[in-house]
Amino acid sequence: MLLAFAVVVSGCSGSAEDEQQVEREWPVKVATVSTNDTIDQRQFAGRVKAVQTVDLSFQVGGKLNYLQFREGEIIPKGKLIAALDESDFVREVKQARVNLDLLQKTLARQRSLAERNVISQQQLDETETNYDLAKVALEKAEQNLSYTKLKAPFDALVTRQLVENYTNVQAGQGIVRLQDVSEVRIQVSVPENLLATVNRERVNSVSATFEFLPGREFPLEYREHQAEADSVTQTYIVELGMPQPENVQILPGMTARVNLKLNQAQDDLWVPLSAVQSSADGSPYIWRINEDQSVSKTPVQLGRTDGEVVEIKSGVDTSMKLVAAGGQHLYEGAKVRNYAQ
């Protein structure tokens, strides 16, 4: 019985040693340091928007008696699109002009009388003040008369008629909604890490394609971007622009595919972001794979990242092999094997 027990223990011990021998080779994913920026091209879903959208309104109230436009129509800048009944405003101008003429004649007489000391200086001052106020009243009446006509402030697309003709409208009440479509604007949502790390020098080109225009690609230019990120997606809205193409009507609300091409940074060294580990003090490092398949802990200095790869400013060499995944349980000198082989 003792001999049998010794044989069993010996067999178990051998199995444990074999299992320990297998565990010494940790399966990992192997990567190499690259000099090519792997984020050289990106695609974004974009949506066309107007340069600006405005609800035109009159600055005075009155009866609407002229409304000349159709929804979906492109109207040129300066075209008369709506007008109020101007009868009351014309009368106010006439009344203000008559009052001004009367005060002008009164002022001339009183100046002559004041020179002979027939009237006091106070009376003359009051008449001069009333004359100045009459000029202001005439200017206001003429301005109100001009406010009875509503013209297109820019080449615009009529998107909606907000009131019916021959109705009484108030000052500031929307009459028609216009969109400035002098150029095509496209909005895309850009991740914060890309917006923070990509500058103008790295951008090779930005272009747009549309499903309804197969085979055509349109260059885009930067216009502006929102400085506040979306609270949910943590992305920023970037607005790009392009001229309106000939014989094609690209309208707000249509979708586009935006293609971003970045210049490759040949002098920069990049590794997968998953290869970077953190020490207890928070300093970054990678596991370098030596020729004998053992690993060495190598501190690195990080640069910019796009969330998939990260720039290494110091600590690595070109074509160095390193652990890209599976390095959480490694230790100095541990043996590894590439599980992809």
Protein backbone atom coordinates (compact mmCIF):
# COMPACT_ATOMS: atom_id res chain seq x y z
CA MET A 1 0.00 0.00 0.00
CA LEU A 2 2.85 2.40 0.79
CA LEU A 3 4.46 1.61 -2.57
CA ALA A 4 1.20 2.29 -4.45
CA PHE A 5 0.72 5.59 -2.58
CA ALA A 6 4.27 6.67 -3.52
CA VAL A 7 3.59 5.90 -7.17
CA VAL A 8 0.36 8.00 -7.12
CA VAL A 9 2.08 10.95 -5.44
CA SER A 10 4.94 10.74 -7.89
CA GLY A 11 2.49 10.79 -10.81
CA CYS A 12 0.65 13.83 -9.44
CA SER A 13 3.90 15.66 -8.88
CA GLY A 14 4.91 15.07 -12.47
CA SER A 15 1.58 16.42 -13.75
CA ALA A 16 1.96 19.59 -11.68
CA GLU A 17 5.46 20.11 -13.05
CA ASP A 18 4.21 19.64 -16.61
CA GLU A 19 1.36 22.09 -16.02
CA GLN A 20 3.80 24.60 -14.52
CA GLN A 21 6.06 24.16 -17.56
CA VAL A 22 3.13 24.97 -19.88
CA GLU A 23 2.14 28.02 -17.86
CA ARG A 24 5.59 29.53 -18.29
CA GLU A 25 4.74 30.37 -21.92
CA TRP A 26 1.99 32.96 -21.77
CA PRO A 27 -0.16 33.28 -24.90
CA VAL A 28 -0.17 36.90 -26.06
CA LYS A 29 -0.92 38.95 -29.13
CA VAL A 30 2.28 40.27 -30.70
CA ALA A 31 2.61 43.61 -32.47
CA THR A 32 5.47 45.66 -33.87
CA VAL A 33 6.27 49.35 -33.58
CA SER A 34 5.11 51.11 -36.74
CA THR A 35 6.32 54.30 -38.36
CA ASN A 36 3.10 54.73 -40.33
CA ASP A 37 0.19 56.52 -38.75
CA THR A 38 -2.66 54.05 -38.88
CA ILE A 39 -5.30 56.80 -38.66
CA ASP A 40 -4.59 58.09 -42.15
CA GLN A 41 -8.23 57.87 -43.24
CA ARG A 42 -11.55 58.28 -41.48
CA GLN A 43 -15.18 58.39 -42.60
CA PHE A 44 -18.05 60.20 -40.96
CA ALA A 45 -21.78 60.34 -41.53
CA GLY A 46 -22.72 63.94 -42.29
CA ARG A 47 -25.93 65.91 -42.67
CA VAL A 48 -26.46 68.91 -44.91
CA LYS A 49 -27.61 72.12 -43.23
CA ALA A 50 -28.23 75.68 -44.32
CA VAL A 51 -25.70 78.43 -43.78
CA GLN A 52 -28.41 80.10 -41.71
CA THR A 53 -32.16 79.80 -41.16
CA VAL A 54 -34.29 82.87 -40.39
CA ASP A 55 -37.98 83.60 -39.88
CA LEU A 56 -38.57 86.94 -41.60
CA SER A 57 -41.02 89.32 -39.95
CA PHE A 58 -42.20 92.91 -40.27
CA GLN A 59 -40.97 95.50 -37.78
CA VAL A 60 -44.45 97.09 -37.80
CA GLY A 61 -47.90 95.56 -37.62
CA GLY A 62 -50.65 95.82 -40.21
CA LYS A 63 -52.75 94.06 -42.80
CA LEU A 64 -50.85 91.73 -45.12
CA ASN A 65 -51.91 92.34 -48.73
CA TYR A 66 -49.00 90.96 -50.78
CA LEU A 67 -47.40 87.54 -50.50
CA GLN A 68 -45.40 86.42 -53.51
CA PHE A 69 -43.40 83.20 -53.07
CA ARG A 70 -43.79 79.42 -53.13
CA GLU A 71 -42.45 76.91 -50.67
CA GLY A 72 -39.37 75.22 -52.12
CA GLU A 73 -38.60 78.19 -54.36
CA ILE A 74 -35.15 79.75 -54.60
CA ILE A 75 -35.50 83.54 -54.47
CA PRO A 76 -32.72 86.05 -55.18
CA LYS A 77 -31.43 88.59 -52.70
CA GLY A 78 -33.46 91.81 -52.63
CA LYS A 79 -36.65 90.38 -54.13
CA LEU A 80 -39.91 91.69 -52.62
CA ILE A 81 -41.68 88.73 -51.05
CA ALA A 82 -44.32 90.32 -48.79
CA ALA A 83 -45.89 93.75 -48.11
CA LEU A 84 -48.40 95.37 -45.76
CA ASP A 85 -51.18 97.74 -46.63
CA GLU A 86 -49.29 101.05 -46.50
CA SER A 87 -52.24 103.47 -46.50
CA ASP A 88 -51.99 104.35 -42.79
CA PHE A 89 -48.23 104.69 -42.99
CA VAL A 90 -48.41 107.03 -46.00
CA ARG A 91 -50.83 109.26 -44.08
CA GLU A 92 -48.47 109.37 -41.11
CA VAL A 93 -45.64 110.48 -43.37
CA LYS A 94 -47.79 113.25 -44.88
CA GLN A 95 -48.89 114.40 -41.43
CA ALA A 96 -45.32 114.47 -40.14
CA ARG A 97 -44.14 116.40 -43.21
CA VAL A 98 -46.92 119.01 -42.86
CA ASN A 99 -46.14 119.48 -39.18
CA LEU A 100 -42.46 119.91 -39.98
CA ASP A 101 -43.18 122.50 -42.69
CA LEU A 102 -45.34 124.48 -40.28
CA LEU A 103 -42.73 124.48 -37.55
CA GLN A 104 -40.04 125.45 -40.06
CA LYS A 105 -42.04 128.56 -41.03
CA THR A 106 -42.81 129.35 -37.37
CA LEU A 107 -39.14 129.02 -36.48
CA ALA A 108 -38.13 131.41 -39.26
CA ARG A 109 -40.60 134.07 -38.04
CA GLN A 110 -39.60 133.71 -34.40
CA ARG A 111 -35.92 134.04 -35.22
CA SER A 112 -36.68 137.34 -36.92
CA LEU A 113 -38.73 138.49 -33.92
CA ALA A 114 -36.05 137.40 -31.49
CA GLU A 115 -33.49 139.56 -33.29
CA ARG A 116 -35.75 142.58 -32.52
CA ASN A 117 -36.34 141.35 -28.94
CA VAL A 118 -40.07 140.97 -29.61
CA ILE A 119 -40.12 137.42 -28.16
CA SER A 120 -38.04 135.88 -25.46
CA GLN A 121 -35.17 133.54 -26.01
CA GLN A 122 -37.13 130.84 -24.16
CA GLN A 123 -39.91 130.93 -26.74
CA LEU A 124 -37.39 130.61 -29.54
CA ASP A 125 -35.68 127.67 -27.83
CA GLU A 126 -39.00 125.85 -27.44
CA THR A 127 -39.83 126.31 -31.11
CA GLU A 128 -36.39 125.04 -32.16
CA THR A 129 -36.86 121.99 -29.97
CA ASN A 130 -40.29 121.27 -31.46
CA TYR A 131 -38.82 121.65 -34.94
CA ASP A 132 -36.09 119.09 -34.16
CA LEU A 133 -38.69 116.69 -32.75
CA ALA A 134 -40.79 117.12 -35.88
CA LYS A 135 -37.80 116.10 -38.02
CA VAL A 136 -37.37 112.97 -35.88
CA ALA A 137 -41.09 112.19 -36.23
CA LEU A 138 -40.86 112.48 -40.02
CA GLU A 139 -37.84 110.19 -40.13
CA LYS A 140 -39.66 107.63 -38.01
CA ALA A 141 -42.79 107.81 -40.17
CA GLU A 142 -40.73 107.32 -43.33
CA GLN A 143 -38.87 104.44 -41.71
CA ASN A 144 -42.13 102.76 -40.68
CA LEU A 145 -43.34 103.13 -44.26
CA SER A 146 -40.23 101.34 -45.51
CA TYR A 147 -40.86 98.59 -42.96
CA THR A 148 -44.10 97.67 -44.77
CA LYS A 149 -42.06 95.84 -47.43
CA LEU A 150 -40.24 92.59 -46.76
CA LYS A 151 -37.34 91.65 -49.04
CA ALA A 152 -35.09 88.62 -49.18
CA PRO A 153 -31.86 89.43 -47.25
CA PHE A 154 -29.88 86.82 -49.23
CA ASP A 155 -30.27 84.25 -51.97
CA ALA A 156 -32.63 81.96 -50.12
CA LEU A 157 -34.66 78.79 -50.20
CA VAL A 158 -38.26 79.27 -49.04
CA THR A 159 -38.91 76.41 -46.65
CA ARG A 160 -42.22 77.41 -45.04
CA GLN A 161 -45.00 79.98 -45.28
CA LEU A 162 -45.96 80.92 -41.73
CA VAL A 163 -49.10 83.08 -42.31
CA GLU A 164 -51.85 83.43 -44.88
CA ASN A 165 -52.26 86.48 -47.10
CA TYR A 166 -54.76 89.24 -46.18
CA THR A 167 -54.41 88.61 -42.46
CA ASN A 168 -53.47 91.12 -39.78
CA VAL A 169 -49.98 90.50 -38.46
CA GLN A 170 -48.12 91.87 -35.47
CA ALA A 171 -44.64 93.35 -35.41
CA GLY A 172 -42.13 90.52 -35.05
CA GLN A 173 -44.57 87.81 -36.15
CA GLY A 174 -42.93 85.30 -38.50
CA ILE A 175 -44.09 85.55 -42.11
CA VAL A 176 -41.80 83.19 -44.01
CA ARG A 177 -38.92 80.88 -43.13
CA LEU A 178 -35.85 81.22 -45.34
CA GLN A 179 -32.63 79.25 -45.52
CA ASP A 180 -29.35 80.56 -46.89
CA VAL A 181 -28.18 77.93 -49.37
CA SER A 182 -25.46 80.01 -51.03
CA GLU A 183 -23.17 77.08 -50.24
CA VAL A 184 -23.56 73.55 -48.95
CA ARG A 185 -22.79 73.13 -45.26
CA ILE A 186 -22.24 69.64 -43.81
CA GLN A 187 -22.12 68.82 -40.13
CA VAL A 188 -20.31 65.77 -38.71
CA SER A 189 -19.74 64.50 -35.17
CA VAL A 190 -16.03 64.14 -34.43
CA PRO A 191 -14.65 62.23 -31.39
CA GLU A 192 -12.87 64.35 -28.82
CA ASN A 193 -9.57 62.47 -29.14
CA LEU A 194 -9.42 63.08 -32.89
CA LEU A 195 -10.36 66.75 -32.61
CA ALA A 196 -7.71 67.29 -29.94
CA THR A 197 -4.85 65.60 -31.76
CA VAL A 198 -5.35 66.40 -35.46
CA ASN A 199 -4.22 69.84 -36.61
CA ARG A 200 -4.43 71.57 -39.99
CA GLU A 201 -0.95 70.41 -41.01
CA ARG A 202 -1.94 66.76 -40.69
CA VAL A 203 -5.11 67.09 -42.76
CA ASN A 204 -4.42 66.05 -46.33
CA SER A 205 -7.95 66.45 -47.67
CA VAL A 206 -11.60 66.42 -46.67
CA SER A 207 -14.28 65.50 -49.18
CA ALA A 208 -17.94 64.52 -49.38
CA THR A 209 -19.83 61.94 -51.39
CA PHE A 210 -23.57 61.51 -51.82
CA GLU A 211 -25.44 58.30 -52.58
CA PHE A 212 -27.56 60.03 -55.20
CA LEU A 213 -24.40 61.26 -56.99
CA PRO A 214 -22.36 58.07 -57.48
CA GLY A 215 -18.81 58.52 -58.68
CA ARG A 216 -18.60 62.20 -57.70
CA GLU A 217 -16.52 63.55 -54.82
CA PHE A 218 -16.62 67.16 -53.61
CA PRO A 219 -13.77 68.89 -51.72
CA LEU A 220 -14.76 70.40 -48.37
CA GLU A 221 -13.32 73.25 -46.34
CA TYR A 222 -13.45 73.83 -42.61
CA ARG A 223 -15.94 76.47 -41.45
CA GLU A 224 -16.38 76.16 -37.69
CA HIS A 225 -16.90 73.74 -34.82
CA GLN A 226 -18.78 73.73 -31.55
CA ALA A 227 -16.60 74.25 -28.50
CA GLU A 228 -18.90 72.21 -26.26
CA ALA A 229 -19.09 68.43 -26.52
CA ASP A 230 -22.28 66.41 -26.56
CA SER A 231 -22.91 65.27 -22.99
CA VAL A 232 -23.79 61.72 -24.05
CA THR A 233 -21.52 60.88 -27.00
CA GLN A 234 -18.61 63.19 -26.09
CA THR A 235 -18.34 64.27 -29.72
CA TYR A 236 -18.02 67.74 -31.21
CA ILE A 237 -20.01 69.10 -34.15
CA VAL A 238 -17.69 70.21 -36.95
CA GLU A 239 -19.12 72.20 -39.85
CA LEU A 240 -17.65 71.98 -43.34
CA GLY A 241 -18.54 73.84 -46.52
CA MET A 242 -18.51 73.42 -50.30
CA PRO A 243 -19.90 75.42 -53.25
CA GLN A 244 -23.28 74.50 -54.64
CA PRO A 245 -22.59 72.12 -57.56
CA GLU A 246 -24.07 72.95 -60.94
CA ASN A 247 -27.21 71.16 -62.13
CA VAL A 248 -27.65 69.54 -58.70
CA GLN A 249 -29.82 70.70 -55.83
CA ILE A 250 -28.35 69.62 -52.48
CA LEU A 251 -30.84 70.65 -49.81
CA PRO A 252 -30.66 70.86 -46.01
CA GLY A 253 -31.45 67.56 -44.33
CA MET A 254 -29.79 65.38 -46.97
CA THR A 255 -27.12 62.93 -45.88
CA ALA A 256 -23.49 62.76 -46.98
CA ARG A 257 -20.41 60.67 -46.38
CA VAL A 258 -17.42 62.75 -45.29
CA ASN A 259 -13.97 61.32 -46.00
CA LEU A 260 -11.00 62.61 -43.99
CA LYS A 261 -7.47 61.81 -45.18
CA LEU A 262 -4.52 62.52 -42.91
CA ASN A 263 -0.88 62.94 -43.84
CA GLN A 264 1.21 60.03 -42.61
CA ALA A 265 3.78 60.95 -39.99
CA GLN A 266 6.80 58.91 -41.08
CA ASP A 267 9.01 60.09 -38.23
CA ASP A 268 6.53 59.14 -35.52
CA LEU A 269 6.40 55.76 -33.79
CA TRP A 270 3.01 54.18 -33.10
CA VAL A 271 1.87 51.16 -31.13
CA PRO A 272 -1.59 49.74 -30.36
CA LEU A 273 -3.13 51.51 -27.39
CA SER A 274 -3.88 48.11 -25.85
CA ALA A 275 -0.12 47.47 -25.56
CA VAL A 276 0.36 50.24 -22.99
CA GLN A 277 0.19 49.22 -19.32
CA SER A 278 0.31 51.39 -16.20
CA SER A 279 2.60 50.94 -13.21
CA ALA A 280 1.45 51.39 -9.63
CA ASP A 281 2.49 55.04 -9.77
CA GLY A 282 0.58 55.56 -13.02
CA SER A 283 3.63 55.69 -15.32
CA PRO A 284 3.11 53.94 -18.69
CA TYR A 285 5.17 51.00 -19.92
CA ILE A 286 5.08 48.21 -22.48
CA TRP A 287 6.23 44.58 -22.48
CA ARG A 288 9.10 44.25 -24.94
CA ILE A 289 9.61 40.78 -26.44
CA ASN A 290 13.26 39.72 -26.54
CA GLU A 291 14.87 37.27 -28.97
CA ASP A 292 14.47 34.39 -26.50
CA GLN A 293 10.71 35.15 -26.26
CA SER A 294 11.08 36.57 -22.75
CA VAL A 295 9.58 39.98 -21.93
CA SER A 296 11.12 43.09 -20.44
CA LYS A 297 9.26 45.93 -18.83
CA THR A 298 10.06 49.09 -20.83
CA PRO A 299 8.93 52.57 -19.65
CA VAL A 300 7.62 54.79 -22.47
CA GLN A 301 6.57 58.39 -22.99
CA LEU A 302 3.19 58.75 -24.70
CA GLY A 303 2.08 61.26 -27.32
CA ARG A 304 -1.23 61.76 -29.10
CA THR A 305 -3.78 59.00 -29.65
CA ASP A 306 -6.97 58.40 -31.59
CA GLY A 307 -8.28 55.70 -29.25
CA GLU A 308 -6.83 52.79 -31.25
CA VAL A 309 -3.13 53.59 -31.61
CA VAL A 310 -0.88 55.86 -29.57
CA GLU A 311 2.28 57.77 -30.42
CA ILE A 312 5.40 56.78 -28.47
CA LYS A 313 7.83 59.66 -28.01
CA SER A 314 10.54 57.63 -26.28
CA GLY A 315 11.25 54.08 -25.11
CA VAL A 316 10.82 52.06 -28.32
CA ASP A 317 12.63 51.44 -31.59
CA THR A 318 11.41 50.77 -35.10
CA SER A 319 10.16 47.20 -35.68
CA MET A 320 10.47 46.31 -31.98
CA LYS A 321 8.21 43.40 -31.02
CA LEU A 322 5.90 43.94 -28.09
CA VAL A 323 2.88 42.48 -26.36
CA ALA A 324 -0.29 44.03 -27.79
CA ALA A 325 -2.78 42.02 -25.74
CA GLY A 326 -2.57 39.57 -22.85
CA GLY A 327 0.11 41.40 -20.88
CA GLN A 328 -1.91 42.00 -17.71
CA HIS A 329 -0.45 38.97 -15.89
CA LEU A 330 3.11 39.05 -17.21
CA TYR A 331 6.20 39.62 -15.11
CA GLU A 332 9.83 40.43 -15.84
CA GLY A 333 11.46 37.58 -17.77
CA ALA A 334 8.22 35.71 -18.45
CA LYS A 335 8.16 33.59 -21.59
CA VAL A 336 5.46 34.33 -24.16
CA ARG A 337 4.19 32.86 -27.38
CA ASN A 338 2.07 34.41 -30.10
CA TYR A 339 -1.37 32.79 -29.87
CA ALA A 340 -2.03 33.84 -33.49
CA GLN A 341 0.56 31.35 -34.74
